[in-house]
């Protein structure tokens, strides 16, 4: 067949090429059209088989979904190249896994300390010659520990 192509002009060769490409495209399209349902069916069978195999293997492991562990060590780290901050936590499984049946019975977290704060823009009238500055009594009472007069010493 290739010998007969030598007598064709460039225009005729381009037309022949386009017809061949369209014909091949139709053949490929028909092939995909016929194979798509088969491929979809095989994928569903494979998925069902995998799920069945996994469900059969699960009892072999007999693992709990939660394992009670004690935190042994926490190390805060930084990845030098990316400045990513992370924590490396070392856990040790508890020997008695039946100890904690109900997660609501966990030991409560210690209460977070209440933090009182205030800000003040210092002016010349706030400062004194001995290096201190004045604070409103309300802020002092909220933020500073109470004074114990028995341990106070005065110097003049």
C-alpha atoms as a PDB file:
ATOM      1  CA  UNK A   1       0.000   0.000   0.000  1.00  0.00           C
ATOM      2  CA  UNK A   2       2.895   2.355   0.767  1.00  0.00           C
ATOM      3  CA  UNK A   3       4.110   2.261  -2.879  1.00  0.00           C
ATOM      4  CA  UNK A   4       0.868   3.809  -4.160  1.00  0.00           C
ATOM      5  CA  UNK A   5       1.314   6.810  -1.873  1.00  0.00           C
ATOM      6  CA  UNK A   6       4.286   8.065  -3.900  1.00  0.00           C
ATOM      7  CA  UNK A   7       2.047   9.339  -6.691  1.00  0.00           C
ATOM      8  CA  UNK A   8      -0.143  11.465  -4.348  1.00  0.00           C
ATOM      9  CA  UNK A   9       0.346  15.209  -3.968  1.00  0.00           C
ATOM     10  CA  UNK A  10       1.070  16.856  -0.610  1.00  0.00           C
ATOM     11  CA  UNK A  11      -2.542  18.045  -0.345  1.00  0.00           C
ATOM     12  CA  UNK A  12      -3.859  14.529  -1.018  1.00  0.00           C
ATOM     13  CA  UNK A  13      -1.449  13.069   1.557  1.00  0.00           C
ATOM     14  CA  UNK A  14      -2.697  15.560   4.202  1.00  0.00           C
ATOM     15  CA  UNK A  15      -6.316  14.669   3.403  1.00  0.00           C
ATOM     16  CA  UNK A  16      -5.522  10.954   3.647  1.00  0.00           C
ATOM     17  CA  UNK A  17      -3.731  11.525   6.958  1.00  0.00           C
ATOM     18  CA  UNK A  18      -6.746  13.421   8.358  1.00  0.00           C
ATOM     19  CA  UNK A  19      -9.148  10.659   7.232  1.00  0.00           C
ATOM     20  CA  UNK A  20      -6.940   7.992   8.814  1.00  0.00           C
ATOM     21  CA  UNK A  21      -6.696   9.964  12.088  1.00  0.00           C
ATOM     22  CA  UNK A  22     -10.487  10.420  12.235  1.00  0.00           C
ATOM     23  CA  UNK A  23     -10.999   6.724  11.523  1.00  0.00           C
ATOM     24  CA  UNK A  24      -8.516   5.705  14.220  1.00  0.00           C
ATOM     25  CA  UNK A  25     -10.144   8.154  16.674  1.00  0.00           C
ATOM     26  CA  UNK A  26     -13.553   6.541  16.011  1.00  0.00           C
ATOM     27  CA  UNK A  27     -12.084   3.071  16.542  1.00  0.00           C
ATOM     28  CA  UNK A  28     -10.463   4.134  19.840  1.00  0.00           C
ATOM     29  CA  UNK A  29     -13.692   5.823  20.952  1.00  0.00           C
ATOM     30  CA  UNK A  30     -15.717   2.692  20.174  1.00  0.00           C
ATOM     31  CA  UNK A  31     -13.146   0.545  22.008  1.00  0.00           C
ATOM     32  CA  UNK A  32     -13.407   2.763  25.117  1.00  0.00           C
ATOM     33  CA  UNK A  33     -17.195   2.776  24.825  1.00  0.00           C
ATOM     34  CA  UNK A  34     -17.235  -1.031  24.809  1.00  0.00           C
ATOM     35  CA  UNK A  35     -14.553  -1.471  27.484  1.00  0.00           C
ATOM     36  CA  UNK A  36     -15.688   1.221  29.956  1.00  0.00           C
ATOM     37  CA  UNK A  37     -18.522  -0.824  31.514  1.00  0.00           C
ATOM     38  CA  UNK A  38     -16.193  -3.831  31.762  1.00  0.00           C
ATOM     39  CA  UNK A  39     -13.455  -1.742  33.419  1.00  0.00           C
ATOM     40  CA  UNK A  40     -15.984  -0.227  35.841  1.00  0.00           C
ATOM     41  CA  UNK A  41     -17.317  -3.706  36.685  1.00  0.00           C
ATOM     42  CA  UNK A  42     -13.798  -5.027  37.313  1.00  0.00           C
ATOM     43  CA  UNK A  43     -12.955  -2.043  39.548  1.00  0.00           C
ATOM     44  CA  UNK A  44     -16.074  -2.657  41.640  1.00  0.00           C
ATOM     45  CA  UNK A  45     -15.223  -6.351  41.957  1.00  0.00           C
ATOM     46  CA  UNK A  46     -11.660  -5.506  42.976  1.00  0.00           C
ATOM     47  CA  UNK A  47     -12.919  -3.014  45.572  1.00  0.00           C
ATOM     48  CA  UNK A  48     -15.410  -5.534  46.960  1.00  0.00           C
ATOM     49  CA  UNK A  49     -12.712  -8.212  47.133  1.00  0.00           C
ATOM     50  CA  UNK A  50     -10.294  -5.857  48.895  1.00  0.00           C
ATOM     51  CA  UNK A  51     -12.977  -4.806  51.401  1.00  0.00           C
ATOM     52  CA  UNK A  52     -13.882  -8.436  52.042  1.00  0.00           C
ATOM     53  CA  UNK A  53     -10.230  -9.391  52.572  1.00  0.00           C
ATOM     54  CA  UNK A  54      -9.694  -6.458  54.938  1.00  0.00           C
ATOM     55  CA  UNK A  55     -12.800  -7.347  56.933  1.00  0.00           C
ATOM     56  CA  UNK A  56     -11.485 -10.901  57.246  1.00  0.00           C
ATOM     57  CA  UNK A  57      -8.071  -9.664  58.436  1.00  0.00           C
ATOM     58  CA  UNK A  58      -9.356  -7.219  61.056  1.00  0.00           C
ATOM     59  CA  UNK A  59     -10.135  -9.883  63.685  1.00  0.00           C
ATOM     60  CA  UNK A  60      -6.639 -11.333  63.254  1.00  0.00           C
ATOM     61  CA  UNK A  61      -5.057  -8.150  64.581  1.00  0.00           C
ATOM     62  CA  UNK A  62      -7.464  -7.729  67.509  1.00  0.00           C
ATOM     63  CA  UNK A  63      -6.213  -4.183  68.107  1.00  0.00           C
ATOM     64  CA  UNK A  64      -8.041  -1.670  70.214  1.00  0.00           C
ATOM     65  CA  UNK A  65      -9.046   1.577  68.593  1.00  0.00           C
ATOM     66  CA  UNK A  66      -7.495   3.476  71.501  1.00  0.00           C
ATOM     67  CA  UNK A  67      -4.407   2.512  73.479  1.00  0.00           C
ATOM     68  CA  UNK A  68      -3.892   4.085  76.885  1.00  0.00           C
ATOM     69  CA  UNK A  69      -0.371   5.558  77.022  1.00  0.00           C
ATOM     70  CA  UNK A  70       1.712   7.599  79.415  1.00  0.00           C
ATOM     71  CA  UNK A  71       3.623  10.597  78.067  1.00  0.00           C
ATOM     72  CA  UNK A  72       7.246   9.900  78.946  1.00  0.00           C
ATOM     73  CA  UNK A  73       9.004  12.794  77.284  1.00  0.00           C
ATOM     74  CA  UNK A  74       8.116  15.881  75.252  1.00  0.00           C
ATOM     75  CA  UNK A  75      10.742  17.676  73.242  1.00  0.00           C
ATOM     76  CA  UNK A  76       9.922  20.836  71.309  1.00  0.00           C
ATOM     77  CA  UNK A  77      11.925  21.057  68.103  1.00  0.00           C
ATOM     78  CA  UNK A  78      12.497  23.322  65.121  1.00  0.00           C
ATOM     79  CA  UNK A  79      13.419  22.142  61.636  1.00  0.00           C
ATOM     80  CA  UNK A  80      16.364  24.424  60.786  1.00  0.00           C
ATOM     81  CA  UNK A  81      15.866  24.417  57.014  1.00  0.00           C
ATOM     82  CA  UNK A  82      12.151  25.278  57.077  1.00  0.00           C
ATOM     83  CA  UNK A  83      11.650  26.814  60.560  1.00  0.00           C
ATOM     84  CA  UNK A  84       8.842  24.281  61.067  1.00  0.00           C
ATOM     85  CA  UNK A  85       8.039  23.907  64.762  1.00  0.00           C
ATOM     86  CA  UNK A  86       6.950  20.499  66.071  1.00  0.00           C
ATOM     87  CA  UNK A  87       6.900  18.389  69.210  1.00  0.00           C
ATOM     88  CA  UNK A  88       8.500  14.987  69.517  1.00  0.00           C
ATOM     89  CA  UNK A  89       6.440  13.037  72.064  1.00  0.00           C
ATOM     90  CA  UNK A  90       7.541   9.706  73.500  1.00  0.00           C
ATOM     91  CA  UNK A  91       4.645   7.486  74.617  1.00  0.00           C
ATOM     92  CA  UNK A  92       4.723   4.320  76.697  1.00  0.00           C
ATOM     93  CA  UNK A  93       1.684   1.996  76.581  1.00  0.00           C
ATOM     94  CA  UNK A  94       0.134   1.374  79.987  1.00  0.00           C
ATOM     95  CA  UNK A  95       0.291  -2.275  81.091  1.00  0.00           C
ATOM     96  CA  UNK A  96      -3.328  -2.193  82.311  1.00  0.00           C
ATOM     97  CA  UNK A  97      -5.383  -1.179  79.287  1.00  0.00           C
ATOM     98  CA  UNK A  98      -8.656  -1.736  81.162  1.00  0.00           C
ATOM     99  CA  UNK A  99      -7.859   1.104  83.525  1.00  0.00           C
ATOM    100  CA  UNK A 100      -9.687   3.694  81.455  1.00  0.00           C
ATOM    101  CA  UNK A 101     -12.999   2.461  80.103  1.00  0.00           C
ATOM    102  CA  UNK A 102     -14.689   5.861  79.940  1.00  0.00           C
ATOM    103  CA  UNK A 103     -12.792   8.820  78.440  1.00  0.00           C
ATOM    104  CA  UNK A 104     -14.933  11.151  80.584  1.00  0.00           C
ATOM    105  CA  UNK A 105     -13.179   9.776  83.659  1.00  0.00           C
ATOM    106  CA  UNK A 106      -9.820  11.208  82.606  1.00  0.00           C
ATOM    107  CA  UNK A 107      -8.052  13.266  85.192  1.00  0.00           C
ATOM    108  CA  UNK A 108      -9.091  16.871  84.778  1.00  0.00           C
ATOM    109  CA  UNK A 109      -6.560  19.308  83.456  1.00  0.00           C
ATOM    110  CA  UNK A 110      -5.174  21.610  86.123  1.00  0.00           C
ATOM    111  CA  UNK A 111      -6.941  24.951  86.011  1.00  0.00           C
ATOM    112  CA  UNK A 112      -5.206  27.531  83.901  1.00  0.00           C
ATOM    113  CA  UNK A 113      -3.952  30.475  85.906  1.00  0.00           C
ATOM    114  CA  UNK A 114      -5.948  33.645  85.556  1.00  0.00           C
ATOM    115  CA  UNK A 115      -3.758  36.336  84.095  1.00  0.00           C
ATOM    116  CA  UNK A 116      -4.468  39.967  84.800  1.00  0.00           C
ATOM    117  CA  UNK A 117      -2.713  42.586  82.777  1.00  0.00           C
ATOM    118  CA  UNK A 118      -2.898  46.237  81.933  1.00  0.00           C
ATOM    119  CA  UNK A 119      -0.936  48.642  79.836  1.00  0.00           C
ATOM    120  CA  UNK A 120       0.059  52.184  80.489  1.00  0.00           C
ATOM    121  CA  UNK A 121       1.694  54.748  78.283  1.00  0.00           C
ATOM    122  CA  UNK A 122       4.208  56.476  80.508  1.00  0.00           C
ATOM    123  CA  UNK A 123       4.371  60.229  80.560  1.00  0.00           C
ATOM    124  CA  UNK A 124       6.813  62.501  82.347  1.00  0.00           C
ATOM    125  CA  UNK A 125       4.352  63.035  85.196  1.00  0.00           C
ATOM    126  CA  UNK A 126       4.177  59.247  85.832  1.00  0.00           C
ATOM    127  CA  UNK A 127       7.867  58.869  86.598  1.00  0.00           C
ATOM    128  CA  UNK A 128       9.653  59.759  89.788  1.00  0.00           C
ATOM    129  CA  UNK A 129      13.236  60.599  90.672  1.00  0.00           C
ATOM    130  CA  UNK A 130      13.831  57.185  92.285  1.00  0.00           C
ATOM    131  CA  UNK A 131      13.071  55.356  88.995  1.00  0.00           C
ATOM    132  CA  UNK A 132       9.546  54.094  89.698  1.00  0.00           C
ATOM    133  CA  UNK A 133       6.235  55.035  88.169  1.00  0.00           C
ATOM    134  CA  UNK A 134       2.708  55.316  89.469  1.00  0.00           C
ATOM    135  CA  UNK A 135       0.018  52.719  88.849  1.00  0.00           C
ATOM    136  CA  UNK A 136      -3.694  53.054  89.478  1.00  0.00           C
ATOM    137  CA  UNK A 137      -4.739  51.226  92.674  1.00  0.00           C
ATOM    138  CA  UNK A 138      -7.276  49.083  90.783  1.00  0.00           C
ATOM    139  CA  UNK A 139      -4.546  47.780  88.440  1.00  0.00           C
ATOM    140  CA  UNK A 140      -2.160  47.212  91.330  1.00  0.00           C
ATOM    141  CA  UNK A 141      -4.795  45.241  93.275  1.00  0.00           C
ATOM    142  CA  UNK A 142      -5.669  43.107  90.228  1.00  0.00           C
ATOM    143  CA  UNK A 143      -2.139  42.356  89.031  1.00  0.00           C
ATOM    144  CA  UNK A 144       0.178  42.427  92.028  1.00  0.00           C
ATOM    145  CA  UNK A 145       0.180  40.121  95.056  1.00  0.00           C
ATOM    146  CA  UNK A 146      -1.129  41.683  98.264  1.00  0.00           C
ATOM    147  CA  UNK A 147       1.423  43.295 100.521  1.00  0.00           C
ATOM    148  CA  UNK A 148       2.133  41.487 103.777  1.00  0.00           C
ATOM    149  CA  UNK A 149       2.768  44.205 106.309  1.00  0.00           C
ATOM    150  CA  UNK A 150       4.540  41.876 108.749  1.00  0.00           C
ATOM    151  CA  UNK A 151       7.499  41.422 106.392  1.00  0.00           C
ATOM    152  CA  UNK A 152       7.717  44.997 105.157  1.00  0.00           C
ATOM    153  CA  UNK A 153      10.798  46.970 106.057  1.00  0.00           C
ATOM    154  CA  UNK A 154      11.002  50.673 105.554  1.00  0.00           C
ATOM    155  CA  UNK A 155      14.165  52.581 104.945  1.00  0.00           C
ATOM    156  CA  UNK A 156      14.407  56.368 105.026  1.00  0.00           C
END
